[in-house]
Amino acid sequence: MEGARSLEVVPTDSSVVADELLSAMAALRRGTRLAGRPAELSELTGAQLDLLRLVRRRPGVSVADAAAELRLAPNTVSTLVRRLKDAGLLLRHADRTDRRVARLELSPETALEVERFRDRRIALLASAIAELRPAERRRLEGASAILGRLAARLPDLAELDA
């Protein structure tokens, strides 16, 4: 495609930082997910937990919007929804104005468990952050904003590579 930019991996300082960053983020995510996961949610996959956390943040989200936000195919999210609904963790209902649109809610019990899971993950990470030196904590605070900007930029860059 003319004018499209290709994303080639060329060893640079940026690619080394990117590799280290991905490794660190994966370790943080794994560490907080495994250490903080309640027994009630222990059988769920990472994708199922991601969907439950999204529905906690955005009650009433549509299946299509959940797929877009999670960057998953709509049929993949539909499968996740069906399994979570069958397990009694998720409620799926038709939109009031457009019956073709499915809206998602957590069951009351699941909402409590997901909140507890979130609270445990935050407490675990907050404890680890508290052990850092003050200068490291300040750098981490600044890095959080930068990571948010990086994350927001990724979908645009992914489209360039498609």
Protein backbone atom coordinates (compact mmCIF):
# COMPACT_ATOMS: atom_id res chain seq x y z
CA MET A 1 0.00 0.00 0.00
CA GLU A 2 1.48 3.31 -1.08
CA GLY A 3 2.36 5.69 1.74
CA ALA A 4 1.98 3.02 4.41
CA ARG A 5 4.80 2.65 6.86
CA SER A 6 6.07 -0.82 7.71
CA LEU A 7 7.03 -1.68 11.26
CA GLU A 8 10.32 -3.51 11.01
CA VAL A 9 12.13 -4.61 14.12
CA VAL A 10 15.56 -3.03 13.89
CA PRO A 11 17.84 -3.47 16.89
CA THR A 12 18.07 -0.04 18.46
CA ASP A 13 18.13 1.36 21.94
CA SER A 14 14.34 1.68 21.62
CA SER A 15 13.89 -1.98 20.74
CA VAL A 16 15.99 -3.04 23.72
CA VAL A 17 13.89 -0.83 26.00
CA ALA A 18 10.70 -2.17 24.40
CA ASP A 19 11.78 -5.77 25.02
CA GLU A 20 12.68 -5.04 28.65
CA LEU A 21 9.43 -3.12 29.16
CA LEU A 22 7.29 -5.95 27.80
CA SER A 23 9.09 -8.44 30.03
CA ALA A 24 8.65 -6.26 33.10
CA MET A 25 4.96 -5.60 32.39
CA ALA A 26 4.28 -9.29 31.84
CA ALA A 27 6.00 -10.14 35.13
CA LEU A 28 4.00 -7.47 36.99
CA ARG A 29 0.74 -8.63 35.49
CA ARG A 30 1.45 -12.30 36.14
CA GLY A 31 2.68 -11.64 39.66
CA THR A 32 -0.31 -9.58 40.72
CA ARG A 33 -2.80 -11.81 38.93
CA LEU A 34 -1.54 -15.04 40.46
CA ALA A 35 -0.88 -13.70 43.95
CA GLY A 36 -4.13 -11.79 44.20
CA ARG A 37 -6.55 -14.18 42.51
CA PRO A 38 -9.28 -15.47 44.80
CA ALA A 39 -10.11 -19.17 44.70
CA GLU A 40 -13.50 -18.39 43.13
CA LEU A 41 -11.75 -16.98 40.04
CA SER A 42 -8.78 -19.37 39.97
CA GLU A 43 -10.08 -21.49 37.08
CA LEU A 44 -10.49 -18.53 34.73
CA THR A 45 -8.14 -17.71 31.87
CA GLY A 46 -6.41 -14.36 31.55
CA ALA A 47 -8.82 -13.35 28.76
CA GLN A 48 -11.84 -14.22 30.92
CA LEU A 49 -10.43 -12.16 33.80
CA ASP A 50 -9.73 -9.27 31.43
CA LEU A 51 -13.36 -9.34 30.28
CA LEU A 52 -14.67 -9.44 33.87
CA ARG A 53 -12.43 -6.51 34.83
CA LEU A 54 -13.66 -4.56 31.80
CA VAL A 55 -17.31 -5.21 32.69
CA ARG A 56 -16.56 -4.12 36.28
CA ARG A 57 -15.20 -0.82 34.96
CA ARG A 58 -17.94 -0.40 32.34
CA PRO A 59 -21.18 -2.08 33.42
CA GLY A 60 -23.56 -2.43 30.49
CA VAL A 61 -20.75 -2.51 27.91
CA SER A 62 -21.81 -4.14 24.66
CA VAL A 63 -20.13 -7.29 23.39
CA ALA A 64 -18.90 -5.36 20.34
CA ASP A 65 -17.41 -2.56 22.46
CA ALA A 66 -15.80 -5.10 24.79
CA ALA A 67 -14.20 -6.82 21.79
CA ALA A 68 -12.87 -3.52 20.49
CA GLU A 69 -11.48 -2.46 23.86
CA LEU A 70 -9.88 -5.84 24.53
CA ARG A 71 -8.65 -5.97 20.93
CA LEU A 72 -10.21 -9.38 20.42
CA ALA A 73 -12.39 -10.70 17.64
CA PRO A 74 -16.12 -10.32 18.42
CA ASN A 75 -16.66 -14.08 18.11
CA THR A 76 -13.88 -14.66 20.67
CA VAL A 77 -15.60 -12.32 23.11
CA SER A 78 -18.93 -14.00 22.42
CA THR A 79 -17.35 -17.33 23.36
CA LEU A 80 -15.90 -15.82 26.56
CA VAL A 81 -19.30 -14.32 27.39
CA ARG A 82 -21.09 -17.63 26.85
CA ARG A 83 -18.68 -19.51 29.12
CA LEU A 84 -18.79 -16.86 31.86
CA LYS A 85 -22.58 -16.69 31.61
CA ASP A 86 -22.86 -20.48 31.85
CA ALA A 87 -20.66 -20.36 34.97
CA GLY A 88 -23.01 -17.77 36.50
CA LEU A 89 -20.34 -15.06 36.58
CA LEU A 90 -21.70 -12.77 33.90
CA LEU A 91 -25.16 -11.55 32.96
CA ARG A 92 -26.02 -10.89 29.32
CA HIS A 93 -29.14 -9.02 28.33
CA ALA A 94 -30.50 -7.28 25.26
CA ASP A 95 -30.21 -3.53 24.97
CA ARG A 96 -33.46 -1.71 25.77
CA THR A 97 -33.53 0.23 22.50
CA ASP A 98 -31.82 -2.21 20.14
CA ARG A 99 -32.54 -5.85 20.95
CA ARG A 100 -29.73 -6.97 18.62
CA VAL A 101 -27.12 -5.47 20.98
CA ALA A 102 -26.04 -7.56 23.98
CA ARG A 103 -25.15 -5.71 27.19
CA LEU A 104 -22.96 -7.22 29.89
CA GLU A 105 -23.13 -7.00 33.68
CA LEU A 106 -21.37 -8.89 36.43
CA SER A 107 -23.49 -11.07 38.66
CA PRO A 108 -23.65 -9.54 42.16
CA GLU A 109 -21.39 -12.25 43.61
CA THR A 110 -18.87 -11.86 40.79
CA ALA A 111 -18.85 -8.09 41.21
CA LEU A 112 -17.77 -8.54 44.83
CA GLU A 113 -15.08 -11.08 43.90
CA VAL A 114 -13.69 -8.95 41.09
CA GLU A 115 -13.56 -5.92 43.42
CA ARG A 116 -11.73 -8.00 46.04
CA PHE A 117 -9.36 -9.28 43.36
CA ARG A 118 -8.65 -5.71 42.22
CA ASP A 119 -8.14 -4.55 45.81
CA ARG A 120 -5.69 -7.39 46.52
CA ARG A 121 -3.72 -6.69 43.34
CA ILE A 122 -3.51 -2.99 44.15
CA ALA A 123 -2.48 -3.68 47.76
CA LEU A 124 0.19 -6.12 46.62
CA LEU A 125 1.65 -3.71 44.09
CA ALA A 126 1.34 -0.75 46.48
CA SER A 127 3.35 -2.68 49.09
CA ALA A 128 6.07 -3.36 46.57
CA ILE A 129 6.09 0.30 45.46
CA ALA A 130 6.33 1.44 49.09
CA GLU A 131 9.59 -0.52 49.39
CA LEU A 132 11.19 1.51 46.59
CA ARG A 133 13.43 4.46 47.34
CA PRO A 134 11.63 7.85 47.16
CA ALA A 135 13.45 8.79 43.94
CA GLU A 136 12.38 5.49 42.35
CA ARG A 137 8.76 6.09 43.36
CA ARG A 138 8.84 9.55 41.76
CA ARG A 139 10.29 8.07 38.55
CA LEU A 140 7.61 5.38 38.56
CA GLU A 141 4.88 8.01 38.95
CA GLY A 142 6.21 9.84 35.88
CA ALA A 143 6.58 6.58 33.99
CA SER A 144 2.92 5.71 34.60
CA ALA A 145 1.80 8.71 32.57
CA ILE A 146 4.24 7.85 29.80
CA LEU A 147 3.04 4.23 29.74
CA GLY A 148 -0.54 5.47 29.34
CA ARG A 149 0.50 7.57 26.34
CA LEU A 150 2.38 4.61 24.85
CA ALA A 151 -0.63 2.35 25.27
CA ALA A 152 -2.89 4.91 23.58
CA ARG A 153 -0.50 5.09 20.62
CA LEU A 154 -0.30 1.33 19.96
CA PRO A 155 -3.61 0.86 18.07
CA ASP A 156 -2.59 3.53 15.53
CA LEU A 157 0.79 1.92 15.00
CA ALA A 158 -0.75 -1.55 14.71
CA GLU A 159 -2.97 -0.27 11.88
CA LEU A 160 0.10 0.91 10.00
CA ASP A 161 1.56 -2.58 10.15
CA ALA A 162 -1.64 -4.32 8.99
